[in-house]
């Protein structure tokens, strides 16, 4: 490998081990999807190790947010990892978004 390729591979593996792998193992759990995706997006947004990797990850992940809706976000009510105070605020936020 060229030194530039080696450095690129190192940056990729650093991102995967630091950010991606936790989200990957939580992905099959549908109830955890809304909170998992929000947490993953937040971790990418605060990833300061390599701005190029951060931008590429944000761009790629943002293409996969099309499925989030009130129905899917509603699954967060059944996620034991979501704070009860957040769950209480969710219907209020949903009503504000609808404009009622």
Protein backbone atom coordinates (compact mmCIF):
# COMPACT_ATOMS: atom_id res chain seq x y z
CA UNK A 1 0.00 0.00 0.00
CA UNK A 2 1.05 3.54 -0.63
CA UNK A 3 1.49 5.71 2.48
CA UNK A 4 -1.58 7.78 1.50
CA UNK A 5 -3.68 4.62 1.19
CA UNK A 6 -2.38 3.37 4.51
CA UNK A 7 -3.30 6.69 6.14
CA UNK A 8 -6.76 6.59 4.57
CA UNK A 9 -7.32 3.06 5.83
CA UNK A 10 -6.19 4.11 9.30
CA UNK A 11 -8.67 7.04 9.30
CA UNK A 12 -11.46 4.74 8.12
CA UNK A 13 -10.74 2.15 10.81
CA UNK A 14 -10.54 4.87 13.44
CA UNK A 15 -13.99 6.14 12.46
CA UNK A 16 -15.47 2.64 12.37
CA UNK A 17 -14.10 1.68 15.77
CA UNK A 18 -14.94 5.00 17.42
CA UNK A 19 -18.35 5.85 15.90
CA UNK A 20 -19.82 3.31 13.52
CA UNK A 21 -19.56 -0.06 15.24
CA UNK A 22 -21.87 0.77 18.17
CA UNK A 23 -24.60 1.98 15.78
CA UNK A 24 -24.10 -1.10 13.61
CA UNK A 25 -24.76 -3.51 16.46
CA UNK A 26 -27.87 -1.57 17.54
CA UNK A 27 -29.27 -1.35 13.99
CA UNK A 28 -31.24 -4.64 13.99
CA UNK A 29 -33.29 -3.50 17.00
CA UNK A 30 -36.26 -1.65 15.45
CA UNK A 31 -37.41 -0.18 18.76
CA UNK A 32 -34.02 1.45 19.21
CA UNK A 33 -33.80 2.80 15.64
CA UNK A 34 -34.95 6.41 16.29
CA UNK A 35 -32.71 6.96 19.32
CA UNK A 36 -29.86 5.00 17.73
CA UNK A 37 -29.98 7.11 14.56
CA UNK A 38 -30.16 10.37 16.50
CA UNK A 39 -27.23 9.33 18.71
CA UNK A 40 -25.24 8.20 15.67
CA UNK A 41 -25.90 11.47 13.84
CA UNK A 42 -24.90 13.45 16.92
CA UNK A 43 -21.66 11.47 17.29
CA UNK A 44 -20.80 12.09 13.63
CA UNK A 45 -21.56 15.82 13.99
CA UNK A 46 -19.10 16.02 16.89
CA UNK A 47 -16.42 13.84 15.29
CA UNK A 48 -13.39 16.11 15.27
CA UNK A 49 -10.65 13.59 14.48
CA UNK A 50 -10.90 14.11 10.72
CA UNK A 51 -13.21 16.74 9.14
CA UNK A 52 -13.08 15.01 5.73
CA UNK A 53 -14.34 11.74 7.22
CA UNK A 54 -16.93 13.66 9.25
CA UNK A 55 -18.33 15.40 6.17
CA UNK A 56 -18.41 12.18 4.13
CA UNK A 57 -20.19 10.31 6.94
CA UNK A 58 -22.75 13.10 7.44
CA UNK A 59 -23.45 13.23 3.71
CA UNK A 60 -23.85 9.46 3.43
CA UNK A 61 -25.98 9.08 6.55
CA UNK A 62 -28.26 11.97 5.67
CA UNK A 63 -29.33 10.01 2.57
CA UNK A 64 -30.72 7.33 4.89
CA UNK A 65 -32.99 9.52 7.02
CA UNK A 66 -35.90 9.46 4.57
CA UNK A 67 -37.67 6.73 6.51
CA UNK A 68 -37.99 8.64 9.78
CA UNK A 69 -41.59 9.64 10.44
CA UNK A 70 -43.95 10.05 13.39
CA UNK A 71 -44.74 6.34 13.15
CA UNK A 72 -41.12 5.24 13.32
CA UNK A 73 -40.22 7.83 15.96
CA UNK A 74 -43.16 6.52 17.98
CA UNK A 75 -41.23 3.29 18.51
CA UNK A 76 -38.98 5.27 20.84
CA UNK A 77 -41.80 5.12 23.41
CA UNK A 78 -40.95 1.41 23.82
CA UNK A 79 -37.19 1.94 24.06
CA UNK A 80 -36.09 1.51 27.67
CA UNK A 81 -32.94 3.54 26.97
CA UNK A 82 -34.97 6.71 26.19
CA UNK A 83 -35.37 8.91 29.24
CA UNK A 84 -38.98 9.11 30.53
CA UNK A 85 -38.79 12.93 30.47
CA UNK A 86 -37.92 12.78 26.77
CA UNK A 87 -40.83 10.41 26.18
CA UNK A 88 -43.19 12.85 27.91
CA UNK A 89 -41.95 15.68 25.67
CA UNK A 90 -42.29 13.73 22.42
CA UNK A 91 -46.08 14.15 21.95
CA UNK A 92 -45.74 17.87 22.65
CA UNK A 93 -43.00 18.18 20.01
CA UNK A 94 -45.06 16.17 17.51
CA UNK A 95 -48.06 18.46 17.99
CA UNK A 96 -45.88 21.57 17.57
CA UNK A 97 -44.46 20.14 14.33
CA UNK A 98 -47.97 19.60 12.97
CA UNK A 99 -48.84 23.18 13.88
CA UNK A 100 -51.64 22.38 16.30
